N, C-alpha and C. Protein backbone atom coordinates (compact mmCIF):
# COMPACT_ATOMS: atom_id res chain seq x y z
N MET A 1 94.94 150.41 135.04
CA MET A 1 95.09 149.63 135.62
C MET A 1 94.54 149.67 137.31
N SER A 2 93.66 148.56 137.36
CA SER A 2 93.30 148.82 138.96
C SER A 2 94.29 147.89 139.55
N GLU A 3 94.37 148.81 140.67
CA GLU A 3 95.25 148.22 142.19
C GLU A 3 95.09 147.31 142.73
N ASN A 4 95.70 145.78 143.11
CA ASN A 4 95.09 144.33 143.87
C ASN A 4 95.27 144.45 145.07
N TYR A 5 94.77 144.33 146.16
CA TYR A 5 95.08 144.39 147.72
C TYR A 5 94.71 143.27 148.33
N GLY A 6 96.14 142.87 149.19
CA GLY A 6 95.87 141.05 149.87
C GLY A 6 95.22 141.44 150.94
N ILE A 7 94.48 139.79 150.66
CA ILE A 7 93.81 139.80 151.97
C ILE A 7 94.41 138.64 152.71
N PRO A 8 94.61 138.84 154.00
CA PRO A 8 95.49 138.20 155.11
C PRO A 8 94.86 136.72 155.54
N LEU A 9 95.50 135.82 155.47
CA LEU A 9 94.87 134.03 155.73
C LEU A 9 94.81 133.77 156.97
N LEU A 10 93.82 132.68 156.43
CA LEU A 10 93.66 132.17 157.73
C LEU A 10 94.65 131.74 158.89
N GLY A 11 94.56 131.61 160.47
CA GLY A 11 96.44 131.80 161.05
C GLY A 11 96.94 132.75 161.60
N ASP A 12 96.71 134.21 160.53
CA ASP A 12 97.53 135.24 160.99
C ASP A 12 96.91 136.54 161.67
N LEU A 13 97.66 136.64 162.53
CA LEU A 13 97.45 137.48 163.37
C LEU A 13 96.49 138.43 162.80
N PHE A 14 95.30 139.12 163.45
CA PHE A 14 94.83 140.63 162.56
C PHE A 14 95.72 141.46 162.69
N PRO A 15 96.32 142.33 161.85
CA PRO A 15 96.52 143.59 161.38
C PRO A 15 96.25 144.29 163.02
N GLU A 16 97.20 145.11 163.20
CA GLU A 16 97.13 145.73 164.30
C GLU A 16 96.67 147.16 164.15
N MET A 17 95.62 147.77 164.26
CA MET A 17 94.79 149.25 163.61
C MET A 17 94.06 150.14 164.00
N THR A 18 94.55 151.31 164.38
CA THR A 18 93.16 152.19 165.03
C THR A 18 92.18 152.51 164.55
N VAL A 19 90.84 152.34 164.57
CA VAL A 19 90.07 152.85 164.06
C VAL A 19 88.67 153.52 164.52
N ASN A 20 88.63 154.34 164.29
CA ASN A 20 87.52 155.16 164.11
C ASN A 20 85.72 155.26 163.93
N THR A 21 84.98 154.98 164.98
CA THR A 21 83.87 153.98 164.86
C THR A 21 82.76 154.44 165.77
N THR A 22 81.38 154.61 165.60
CA THR A 22 80.63 155.07 165.60
C THR A 22 80.43 154.74 167.25
N HIS A 23 81.17 154.05 168.23
CA HIS A 23 81.30 154.64 169.58
C HIS A 23 82.73 154.46 169.86
N GLY A 24 82.92 155.41 168.99
CA GLY A 24 84.35 156.04 169.47
C GLY A 24 85.51 155.03 169.01
N VAL A 25 86.92 155.64 169.40
CA VAL A 25 88.15 154.83 168.95
C VAL A 25 88.58 153.89 169.25
N ILE A 26 88.39 152.76 168.38
CA ILE A 26 89.17 150.66 169.13
C ILE A 26 90.49 150.52 168.27
N LYS A 27 90.94 150.14 168.79
CA LYS A 27 92.53 149.47 168.91
C LYS A 27 91.55 148.05 168.83
N LEU A 28 92.14 147.35 167.56
CA LEU A 28 92.06 146.29 166.88
C LEU A 28 93.76 145.14 166.75
N PRO A 29 93.68 144.42 167.08
CA PRO A 29 93.08 143.42 167.94
C PRO A 29 92.95 143.58 169.70
N ASP A 30 93.96 144.57 169.30
CA ASP A 30 94.04 144.66 171.14
C ASP A 30 92.94 144.95 172.22
N ASP A 31 91.81 145.89 171.90
CA ASP A 31 90.49 146.44 172.52
C ASP A 31 89.49 145.23 172.83
N MET A 32 89.92 143.84 171.99
CA MET A 32 89.08 142.52 171.86
C MET A 32 90.05 141.50 172.98
N LYS A 33 90.83 141.89 173.26
CA LYS A 33 91.51 140.84 174.09
C LYS A 33 90.73 139.83 174.51
N GLY A 34 91.25 138.45 174.98
CA GLY A 34 89.92 137.36 175.46
C GLY A 34 88.43 137.73 174.85
N LYS A 35 88.50 138.39 174.29
CA LYS A 35 87.00 138.54 173.31
C LYS A 35 86.87 137.41 171.67
N TRP A 36 86.08 137.30 171.23
CA TRP A 36 86.08 136.96 169.75
C TRP A 36 85.34 137.98 169.27
N PHE A 37 85.97 138.43 168.47
CA PHE A 37 84.58 139.62 167.50
C PHE A 37 85.11 139.17 165.79
N VAL A 38 83.74 139.51 165.32
CA VAL A 38 83.35 139.62 163.94
C VAL A 38 83.85 140.36 163.48
N LEU A 39 83.87 140.65 162.21
CA LEU A 39 84.14 142.07 161.90
C LEU A 39 83.41 141.74 160.40
N PHE A 40 82.54 142.60 159.91
CA PHE A 40 81.80 142.26 158.86
C PHE A 40 81.73 144.04 158.42
N SER A 41 81.94 143.84 156.89
CA SER A 41 82.14 144.71 155.91
C SER A 41 80.94 144.94 155.33
N HIS A 42 80.31 146.06 154.52
CA HIS A 42 79.57 146.53 153.61
C HIS A 42 79.51 147.90 152.50
N PRO A 43 78.43 146.85 151.35
CA PRO A 43 79.45 148.04 150.55
C PRO A 43 79.29 149.67 150.94
N ALA A 44 78.25 149.90 151.50
CA ALA A 44 77.27 151.46 151.53
C ALA A 44 76.30 151.71 152.57
N ASP A 45 76.53 152.49 153.10
CA ASP A 45 74.96 153.07 154.00
C ASP A 45 74.00 153.81 153.27
N PHE A 46 72.92 153.36 153.49
CA PHE A 46 71.60 153.75 153.00
C PHE A 46 71.35 152.94 151.83
N THR A 47 71.66 151.85 152.10
CA THR A 47 71.23 150.80 150.92
C THR A 47 70.56 149.21 151.02
N PRO A 48 69.80 149.03 150.41
CA PRO A 48 68.89 147.96 150.99
C PRO A 48 69.23 146.56 151.37
N VAL A 49 70.50 146.51 150.71
CA VAL A 49 70.68 144.69 151.25
C VAL A 49 71.40 145.01 152.55
N CYS A 50 72.53 146.28 152.60
CA CYS A 50 73.11 146.38 153.41
C CYS A 50 72.55 146.59 154.88
N THR A 51 70.85 147.48 154.64
CA THR A 51 70.00 147.57 155.39
C THR A 51 69.13 146.15 156.16
N THR A 52 69.50 145.12 155.22
CA THR A 52 68.49 143.75 155.84
C THR A 52 70.03 142.71 156.60
N GLU A 53 70.59 143.13 156.08
CA GLU A 53 72.43 142.54 156.63
C GLU A 53 72.37 143.02 158.17
N PHE A 54 72.48 144.43 158.01
CA PHE A 54 72.39 145.36 159.92
C PHE A 54 71.14 144.48 160.48
N TYR A 55 70.20 144.46 160.04
CA TYR A 55 68.91 144.43 160.76
C TYR A 55 68.98 143.11 161.19
N ALA A 56 69.64 141.99 160.77
CA ALA A 56 69.80 141.02 160.82
C ALA A 56 70.70 140.68 161.76
N PHE A 57 72.50 141.16 161.70
CA PHE A 57 73.31 141.11 163.04
C PHE A 57 72.57 141.67 164.19
N ALA A 58 72.04 143.04 164.19
CA ALA A 58 71.20 143.58 165.08
C ALA A 58 70.14 142.47 166.20
N ILE A 59 69.56 142.04 165.32
CA ILE A 59 68.51 141.33 166.45
C ILE A 59 69.64 139.74 166.79
N ARG A 60 70.10 139.53 166.66
CA ARG A 60 71.35 138.13 166.96
C ARG A 60 72.56 138.40 167.61
N ALA A 61 72.60 140.04 168.44
CA ALA A 61 73.85 140.51 168.52
C ALA A 61 73.86 139.79 169.96
N ASN A 62 72.74 139.79 170.61
CA ASN A 62 73.09 139.02 172.13
C ASN A 62 73.79 137.06 172.23
N LYS A 63 72.98 136.92 170.71
CA LYS A 63 73.49 135.39 170.42
C LYS A 63 74.72 134.93 170.16
N PHE A 64 75.47 136.34 169.76
CA PHE A 64 76.83 136.48 169.47
C PHE A 64 77.80 137.03 171.03
N LYS A 65 77.53 137.38 171.88
CA LYS A 65 77.76 138.37 173.24
C LYS A 65 77.98 136.57 173.54
N GLU A 66 76.31 136.42 173.69
CA GLU A 66 76.93 135.20 174.67
C GLU A 66 77.41 134.18 174.27
N LEU A 67 78.56 133.84 172.99
CA LEU A 67 80.22 133.05 172.60
C LEU A 67 80.63 134.11 173.13
N ASN A 68 80.57 135.16 173.36
CA ASN A 68 82.16 135.66 173.59
C ASN A 68 82.61 136.06 172.66
N CYS A 69 81.38 137.22 172.10
CA CYS A 69 81.70 137.71 170.92
C CYS A 69 81.37 139.34 170.16
N GLU A 70 82.02 139.48 169.68
CA GLU A 70 81.72 141.22 169.62
C GLU A 70 81.32 141.18 168.17
N LEU A 71 80.49 142.22 167.78
CA LEU A 71 80.51 142.59 166.40
C LEU A 71 80.93 143.83 166.15
N ILE A 72 81.59 144.00 165.01
CA ILE A 72 81.82 145.34 164.11
C ILE A 72 81.55 145.49 163.21
N GLY A 73 80.71 146.25 162.64
CA GLY A 73 80.84 146.38 161.03
C GLY A 73 81.57 147.15 160.52
N LEU A 74 81.52 147.84 158.97
CA LEU A 74 82.98 149.16 158.61
C LEU A 74 81.88 148.68 157.40
N SER A 75 82.19 150.25 156.25
CA SER A 75 81.98 150.50 155.17
C SER A 75 82.79 152.17 155.21
N ILE A 76 83.57 152.12 154.05
CA ILE A 76 84.20 153.19 153.03
C ILE A 76 83.06 154.33 153.36
N ASP A 77 82.71 154.72 154.44
CA ASP A 77 82.12 156.18 154.83
C ASP A 77 82.45 156.49 155.87
N GLN A 78 81.98 157.75 155.95
CA GLN A 78 82.58 158.87 157.20
C GLN A 78 81.74 158.09 158.44
N VAL A 79 81.52 158.79 159.37
CA VAL A 79 80.88 158.31 161.09
C VAL A 79 79.86 158.79 160.44
N PHE A 80 79.55 160.29 160.26
CA PHE A 80 78.64 160.95 160.16
C PHE A 80 77.70 160.13 159.20
N SER A 81 77.60 159.71 158.61
CA SER A 81 76.88 158.85 157.53
C SER A 81 76.38 157.21 158.43
N HIS A 82 77.26 156.74 159.48
CA HIS A 82 76.86 155.89 159.90
C HIS A 82 75.97 156.38 160.96
N ILE A 83 76.58 157.12 161.48
CA ILE A 83 75.42 158.03 162.85
C ILE A 83 74.00 157.78 162.51
N LYS A 84 73.87 158.29 160.83
CA LYS A 84 72.36 159.07 159.91
C LYS A 84 71.62 157.45 159.86
N TRP A 85 72.55 156.98 159.34
CA TRP A 85 71.59 155.52 158.90
C TRP A 85 71.42 154.52 160.06
N ILE A 86 72.29 154.77 160.86
CA ILE A 86 71.90 153.63 162.71
C ILE A 86 70.89 154.38 162.37
N GLU A 87 70.80 156.24 162.71
CA GLU A 87 69.48 156.41 163.38
C GLU A 87 68.10 156.34 162.45
N TRP A 88 67.79 156.27 161.12
CA TRP A 88 67.49 155.74 160.06
C TRP A 88 66.50 154.04 160.64
N ILE A 89 67.75 153.17 160.72
CA ILE A 89 67.12 152.10 161.07
C ILE A 89 66.83 151.67 162.49
N GLU A 90 66.88 152.88 162.98
CA GLU A 90 65.96 152.71 164.61
C GLU A 90 64.62 153.54 164.65
N GLU A 91 64.41 154.03 163.93
CA GLU A 91 63.14 155.13 163.45
C GLU A 91 62.17 154.31 162.65
N ASN A 92 63.01 153.58 161.81
CA ASN A 92 62.19 153.04 160.69
C ASN A 92 62.01 151.39 160.75
N LEU A 93 62.68 151.36 161.60
CA LEU A 93 62.91 149.49 161.81
C LEU A 93 62.51 149.28 162.98
N ASN A 94 62.76 150.07 164.30
CA ASN A 94 61.87 149.93 165.13
C ASN A 94 62.83 149.03 166.40
N GLN A 95 64.60 148.94 165.34
CA GLN A 95 66.12 148.10 165.80
C GLN A 95 67.15 148.81 166.05
N GLU A 96 67.66 148.81 167.57
CA GLU A 96 68.83 149.53 167.63
C GLU A 96 70.23 148.54 167.16
N ILE A 97 71.11 149.56 167.08
CA ILE A 97 72.21 148.14 166.74
C ILE A 97 73.29 149.07 167.35
N PRO A 98 73.51 147.91 168.21
CA PRO A 98 74.00 148.30 169.42
C PRO A 98 75.90 147.91 169.15
N PHE A 99 76.37 147.25 168.14
CA PHE A 99 77.35 147.40 168.23
C PHE A 99 78.52 148.38 166.97
N PRO A 100 79.46 148.92 167.04
CA PRO A 100 80.43 149.83 166.55
C PRO A 100 80.63 149.72 165.14
N VAL A 101 80.59 150.90 164.47
CA VAL A 101 80.53 150.96 163.08
C VAL A 101 82.29 151.36 162.25
N ILE A 102 82.81 150.78 161.91
CA ILE A 102 83.87 151.71 161.29
C ILE A 102 83.87 152.20 160.36
N ALA A 103 84.15 153.97 160.55
CA ALA A 103 84.27 155.15 159.99
C ALA A 103 85.60 154.81 158.33
N ASP A 104 85.85 153.91 157.53
CA ASP A 104 87.09 153.76 156.83
C ASP A 104 87.12 155.02 155.74
N ASP A 105 86.54 155.70 155.73
CA ASP A 105 86.27 156.90 155.18
C ASP A 105 87.73 156.92 153.96
N ILE A 106 88.53 156.52 154.60
CA ILE A 106 89.88 156.99 152.93
C ILE A 106 90.41 155.60 152.61
N GLY A 107 89.74 154.53 153.63
CA GLY A 107 89.48 153.01 152.78
C GLY A 107 90.69 152.75 153.13
N LYS A 108 91.23 152.84 154.70
CA LYS A 108 92.80 151.89 154.43
C LYS A 108 92.60 150.96 155.15
N VAL A 109 91.76 150.78 156.42
CA VAL A 109 91.24 149.23 156.43
C VAL A 109 90.78 148.32 155.45
N ALA A 110 89.62 148.67 154.68
CA ALA A 110 89.36 147.84 153.80
C ALA A 110 90.54 147.35 153.06
N LYS A 111 91.73 148.24 152.46
CA LYS A 111 92.52 147.82 151.89
C LYS A 111 93.56 147.03 152.17
N THR A 112 93.84 147.02 153.69
CA THR A 112 94.52 145.77 154.35
C THR A 112 93.93 144.70 154.75
N LEU A 113 92.30 144.60 153.90
CA LEU A 113 91.93 143.45 154.45
C LEU A 113 91.44 143.18 153.32
N GLY A 114 91.88 143.61 152.57
CA GLY A 114 91.70 142.79 150.88
C GLY A 114 90.47 143.02 150.37
N MET A 115 89.39 144.02 151.20
CA MET A 115 88.18 144.10 150.74
C MET A 115 87.64 144.67 149.64
N VAL A 116 88.66 145.49 148.80
CA VAL A 116 87.70 146.07 147.75
C VAL A 116 87.98 145.51 146.76
N GLN A 117 86.56 145.46 145.73
CA GLN A 117 86.90 144.35 144.46
C GLN A 117 86.51 144.76 143.19
N SER A 118 87.72 144.73 142.64
CA SER A 118 88.21 145.09 140.94
C SER A 118 87.08 145.53 140.30
N GLY A 119 87.09 146.91 140.27
CA GLY A 119 86.04 147.01 139.00
C GLY A 119 84.61 147.75 140.35
N LYS A 120 84.40 147.82 140.94
CA LYS A 120 83.70 148.17 141.77
C LYS A 120 83.85 148.87 142.78
N GLY A 121 84.61 150.07 142.55
CA GLY A 121 84.72 151.75 142.91
C GLY A 121 85.27 151.43 144.40
N ASN A 122 84.98 152.46 145.13
CA ASN A 122 85.53 152.24 146.34
C ASN A 122 84.85 151.49 147.30
N ASN A 123 83.12 151.44 146.93
CA ASN A 123 83.36 150.30 147.53
C ASN A 123 83.40 148.92 148.31
N THR A 124 82.92 148.54 149.32
CA THR A 124 83.63 147.28 150.23
C THR A 124 82.52 145.78 149.82
N VAL A 125 83.31 144.91 149.49
CA VAL A 125 82.88 143.54 149.40
C VAL A 125 82.30 143.05 150.60
N ARG A 126 80.98 142.54 150.80
CA ARG A 126 80.50 141.44 152.03
C ARG A 126 81.34 141.13 152.48
N ALA A 127 82.74 141.23 153.32
CA ALA A 127 83.34 140.31 153.74
C ALA A 127 82.93 140.25 155.36
N VAL A 128 83.72 138.94 155.78
CA VAL A 128 83.52 138.85 156.98
C VAL A 128 84.99 137.98 157.97
N PHE A 129 85.59 138.28 159.41
CA PHE A 129 86.57 137.84 159.55
C PHE A 129 85.91 137.68 161.01
N ILE A 130 86.50 135.66 161.07
CA ILE A 130 85.83 135.72 162.26
C ILE A 130 87.14 135.78 163.24
N VAL A 131 87.90 136.88 163.98
CA VAL A 131 88.98 136.31 164.69
C VAL A 131 88.77 136.46 166.27
N ASP A 132 89.36 135.40 166.81
CA ASP A 132 89.72 134.32 168.02
C ASP A 132 90.25 135.38 169.44
N ASP A 133 90.17 134.87 170.52
CA ASP A 133 90.03 136.01 171.71
C ASP A 133 91.84 135.95 171.47
N ASN A 134 92.43 134.96 170.82
CA ASN A 134 94.22 135.44 170.62
C ASN A 134 94.15 136.63 169.39
N GLY A 135 93.33 137.01 168.64
CA GLY A 135 93.54 137.91 167.73
C GLY A 135 93.86 137.61 166.27
N ILE A 136 93.72 135.63 166.71
CA ILE A 136 93.70 134.96 165.12
C ILE A 136 92.83 134.98 164.21
N ILE A 137 93.00 135.16 162.87
CA ILE A 137 92.00 135.26 161.85
C ILE A 137 91.89 133.89 162.27
N ARG A 138 90.25 133.27 161.95
CA ARG A 138 90.02 131.80 162.30
C ARG A 138 89.25 131.63 160.55
N LEU A 139 88.18 132.33 160.28
CA LEU A 139 87.23 132.17 159.53
C LEU A 139 87.33 133.75 158.19
N ILE A 140 87.33 133.36 157.01
CA ILE A 140 87.10 134.65 156.23
C ILE A 140 86.09 134.21 155.21
N LEU A 141 84.75 135.28 155.18
CA LEU A 141 84.32 134.88 154.16
C LEU A 141 84.12 136.09 153.05
N TYR A 142 83.65 135.80 151.96
CA TYR A 142 83.61 136.71 151.38
C TYR A 142 82.09 136.95 149.91
N TYR A 143 81.78 138.04 150.20
CA TYR A 143 80.19 137.57 148.93
C TYR A 143 80.43 139.16 148.07
N PRO A 144 79.71 138.61 147.14
CA PRO A 144 79.96 139.80 146.30
C PRO A 144 78.46 140.83 146.67
N GLN A 145 79.49 141.96 146.57
CA GLN A 145 77.98 142.92 146.53
C GLN A 145 76.21 142.78 146.56
N GLU A 146 76.28 141.83 144.77
CA GLU A 146 74.99 141.91 144.79
C GLU A 146 74.10 140.54 146.02
N VAL A 147 75.11 140.00 146.78
CA VAL A 147 74.32 138.63 147.41
C VAL A 147 74.68 138.76 148.72
N GLY A 148 73.56 139.11 149.64
CA GLY A 148 73.33 138.98 151.04
C GLY A 148 73.95 138.70 151.79
N ARG A 149 74.39 138.39 152.70
CA ARG A 149 75.29 137.10 153.81
C ARG A 149 74.18 136.55 154.31
N ASN A 150 74.03 135.04 155.20
CA ASN A 150 73.39 134.69 155.93
C ASN A 150 73.92 134.93 157.27
N VAL A 151 73.43 135.01 158.45
CA VAL A 151 74.34 135.71 159.56
C VAL A 151 74.03 134.82 160.20
N ASP A 152 73.17 133.86 159.84
CA ASP A 152 72.89 132.46 160.72
C ASP A 152 73.98 131.64 160.18
N GLU A 153 74.59 131.95 159.34
CA GLU A 153 75.32 130.76 159.24
C GLU A 153 77.08 131.22 159.23
N VAL A 154 77.13 132.57 159.64
CA VAL A 154 78.04 133.33 160.32
C VAL A 154 78.09 132.80 162.11
N LEU A 155 77.04 133.24 163.01
CA LEU A 155 76.71 132.44 164.43
C LEU A 155 76.65 130.75 163.89
N ARG A 156 76.68 130.03 163.03
CA ARG A 156 76.54 128.34 163.02
C ARG A 156 78.54 128.35 163.36
N SER A 157 78.75 129.18 162.28
CA SER A 157 80.43 128.80 162.36
C SER A 157 81.22 129.28 163.40
N LEU A 158 80.91 130.34 164.09
CA LEU A 158 81.26 130.37 164.78
C LEU A 158 81.34 129.85 166.16
N GLU A 159 80.52 129.47 166.09
CA GLU A 159 80.45 128.04 166.89
C GLU A 159 81.33 126.95 166.92
N ALA A 160 81.23 126.25 165.74
CA ALA A 160 81.43 125.11 165.32
C ALA A 160 83.18 125.51 166.03
N LEU A 161 83.36 126.65 165.07
CA LEU A 161 85.10 126.99 165.33
C LEU A 161 85.29 126.97 166.86
N GLN A 162 84.68 128.18 168.07
CA GLN A 162 84.48 127.22 169.34
C GLN A 162 84.77 125.87 169.69
N ILE A 163 83.82 125.38 169.64
CA ILE A 163 83.55 124.22 169.78
C ILE A 163 85.32 123.09 169.17
N ALA A 164 85.33 123.18 167.93
CA ALA A 164 86.68 122.67 167.41
C ALA A 164 88.03 122.77 168.08
N THR A 165 88.02 124.04 168.61
CA THR A 165 88.84 124.57 168.98
C THR A 165 89.17 124.11 170.64
N LYS A 166 88.30 123.91 171.13
CA LYS A 166 88.11 123.20 172.62
C LYS A 166 88.17 121.99 172.73
N TYR A 167 87.89 121.33 172.28
CA TYR A 167 87.34 119.73 171.92
C TYR A 167 88.14 119.08 171.35
N LYS A 168 89.21 119.72 170.49
CA LYS A 168 90.10 119.46 169.26
C LYS A 168 89.32 118.28 168.66
N VAL A 169 88.07 118.71 168.13
CA VAL A 169 87.25 117.67 167.35
C VAL A 169 87.13 119.04 165.74
N ALA A 170 86.89 118.22 164.57
CA ALA A 170 85.94 118.73 163.96
C ALA A 170 84.51 119.04 163.56
N ALA A 171 83.48 119.91 162.77
CA ALA A 171 82.40 119.78 163.14
C ALA A 171 82.18 119.20 161.52
N PRO A 172 81.06 118.77 161.14
CA PRO A 172 80.34 118.21 159.68
C PRO A 172 79.53 119.16 159.24
N HIS A 173 79.47 119.04 157.42
CA HIS A 173 78.59 120.07 157.31
C HIS A 173 77.61 119.92 157.67
N ASN A 174 76.82 121.72 158.59
CA ASN A 174 75.78 122.26 158.94
C ASN A 174 75.63 121.66 159.95
N TRP A 175 76.47 121.70 161.08
CA TRP A 175 76.67 121.27 162.34
C TRP A 175 75.71 122.14 162.98
N PRO A 176 75.38 122.10 163.62
CA PRO A 176 74.61 120.58 164.33
C PRO A 176 73.57 119.74 163.56
N ASN A 177 73.29 120.36 162.48
CA ASN A 177 72.28 119.69 162.05
C ASN A 177 72.68 118.45 160.28
N ASN A 178 73.67 117.91 160.37
CA ASN A 178 74.49 116.99 159.88
C ASN A 178 73.03 115.53 159.53
N GLU A 179 73.01 115.21 158.19
CA GLU A 179 72.07 114.48 157.72
C GLU A 179 72.58 113.28 158.39
N LEU A 180 73.53 113.18 158.22
CA LEU A 180 74.71 111.90 158.71
C LEU A 180 74.48 111.73 160.35
N ILE A 181 75.56 112.67 160.73
CA ILE A 181 75.46 112.56 162.14
C ILE A 181 75.06 113.16 163.39
N LYS A 182 73.95 113.99 162.51
CA LYS A 182 73.43 115.40 163.44
C LYS A 182 74.10 115.47 164.58
N ASP A 183 73.83 115.52 165.40
CA ASP A 183 74.57 116.87 166.54
C ASP A 183 76.11 116.28 167.32
N ARG A 184 76.58 115.60 166.40
CA ARG A 184 78.13 114.69 166.65
C ARG A 184 78.81 115.22 166.20
N VAL A 185 79.87 115.32 166.75
CA VAL A 185 81.04 115.97 166.37
C VAL A 185 82.41 114.64 165.59
N ILE A 186 83.17 114.93 164.83
CA ILE A 186 84.04 114.09 164.27
C ILE A 186 85.21 114.12 164.99
N ILE A 187 85.91 112.64 164.77
CA ILE A 187 87.54 112.89 165.15
C ILE A 187 88.25 113.18 164.73
N PRO A 188 89.46 113.63 165.02
CA PRO A 188 90.74 114.22 163.75
C PRO A 188 91.19 112.54 163.57
N PRO A 189 91.06 112.25 162.46
CA PRO A 189 92.25 111.54 162.09
C PRO A 189 92.87 110.79 162.07
N PRO A 190 93.67 109.29 162.67
CA PRO A 190 94.95 108.62 163.38
C PRO A 190 95.85 109.47 162.45
N LYS A 191 96.98 109.68 162.15
CA LYS A 191 98.23 109.58 160.98
C LYS A 191 99.12 108.38 161.40
N SER A 192 99.28 107.53 161.97
CA SER A 192 99.92 106.42 161.96
C SER A 192 98.75 104.63 162.17
N ARG A 193 99.17 104.15 161.96
CA ARG A 193 98.54 102.81 162.00
C ARG A 193 98.50 102.09 163.60
N GLU A 194 99.66 102.56 164.41
CA GLU A 194 99.17 102.57 165.73
C GLU A 194 98.02 102.79 166.10
N GLN A 195 97.67 104.44 165.35
CA GLN A 195 96.71 105.21 166.29
C GLN A 195 95.21 104.40 165.86
N VAL A 196 95.24 104.28 165.04
CA VAL A 196 94.16 103.41 164.07
C VAL A 196 93.75 102.48 165.12
N LYS A 197 94.03 101.72 166.07
CA LYS A 197 93.64 100.78 166.35
C LYS A 197 93.06 101.55 168.11
N GLU A 198 94.06 102.42 168.22
CA GLU A 198 93.48 103.27 170.02
C GLU A 198 92.87 104.53 168.87
N ILE A 199 92.68 104.77 167.79
CA ILE A 199 91.32 105.33 167.70
C ILE A 199 89.65 104.40 168.06
N MET A 200 89.85 102.95 167.53
CA MET A 200 88.96 102.25 166.91
C MET A 200 88.83 101.72 168.18
N LYS A 201 88.82 101.53 169.55
CA LYS A 201 89.09 101.56 170.85
C LYS A 201 87.61 102.37 171.18
N LYS A 202 88.92 103.78 171.28
CA LYS A 202 87.75 104.29 172.24
C LYS A 202 87.07 104.96 171.79
N TYR A 203 87.08 105.06 170.21
CA TYR A 203 85.32 105.81 169.74
C TYR A 203 85.18 104.51 168.91
N PRO A 204 83.96 103.92 169.32
CA PRO A 204 83.16 102.91 168.62
C PRO A 204 82.55 102.98 167.30
N ASP A 205 81.84 104.36 167.73
CA ASP A 205 81.04 105.22 166.49
C ASP A 205 81.15 105.49 165.57
N GLY A 206 81.20 105.40 164.32
CA GLY A 206 81.97 105.34 162.91
C GLY A 206 81.69 104.45 161.60
N TYR A 207 82.01 105.37 160.42
CA TYR A 207 81.59 104.43 159.30
C TYR A 207 83.07 103.90 158.61
N ASP A 208 84.16 103.77 159.31
CA ASP A 208 85.49 103.56 158.69
C ASP A 208 86.15 104.12 160.26
N TRP A 209 87.62 103.44 160.31
CA TRP A 209 88.94 104.00 161.13
C TRP A 209 89.16 105.66 160.72
N TRP A 210 88.94 106.32 159.60
CA TRP A 210 89.20 106.88 159.43
C TRP A 210 88.08 108.65 159.36
N PHE A 211 86.69 107.65 160.03
CA PHE A 211 85.09 108.61 159.99
C PHE A 211 84.88 107.94 161.71
N ARG A 212 85.50 108.54 162.66
CA ARG A 212 84.56 108.06 163.53
C ARG A 212 84.45 109.25 164.21
N HIS A 213 82.79 109.23 164.74
CA HIS A 213 82.46 110.36 165.33
C HIS A 213 82.04 110.07 166.81
N LYS A 214 81.70 111.00 167.96
CA LYS A 214 81.29 111.31 169.11
C LYS A 214 80.04 112.28 169.39
N LYS A 215 79.07 112.28 170.62
CA LYS A 215 78.70 112.66 171.05
C LYS A 215 79.40 113.74 171.65
N LEU A 216 79.07 115.20 171.71
CA LEU A 216 80.00 115.89 172.38
C LEU A 216 79.28 116.47 173.67
N GLU A 217 80.04 116.12 174.81
CA GLU A 217 80.12 116.10 175.83
C GLU A 217 80.20 117.75 176.76
N ARG A 218 79.82 118.39 176.39
CA ARG A 218 80.13 120.02 177.31
C ARG A 218 80.53 120.10 179.05
């Protein structure tokens, strides 16, 4: 019988852990205090889909930093394997990997975060955790081993989360390129009839009283 592991929920504090990485020992979430971070797992080093994902994260690393966000990779491999794989990417694909990679060689982190898929051995799924600057888990994505992630979607989700948090709004489908309202943001719907009148007066643009939107002024 396979053993099942739980997944932390959105809104939970990221579990405290001390991890060994290619950049040395890191304490999570403490060492990221005041910063957002994206922790993403990959099934194994020296595998083709994972290599394409690492390359994609690496060439966008500066965009994540511009959003006050650090990247952290992870797989159930030893640090020596991570180092050799990173060297291979740098030598053969001419791309530096600027972020740390957790060496979860006994699988403790993966099990804590529910990254081990039943029937797939010890390899992790392609998980993504976006954690805010207070150490709170804000978004979780899980992809199977067979399907590579869209790193631009991770970046878009990060920015949308930050906008929603800062301005107390919601981001529509594929923000900022939504088919209906483009780069505008959605006002939270009213919770009373009195609020309906207030919102209709304050926000003139929308399809109905429960669907008001505005131009984001940063």
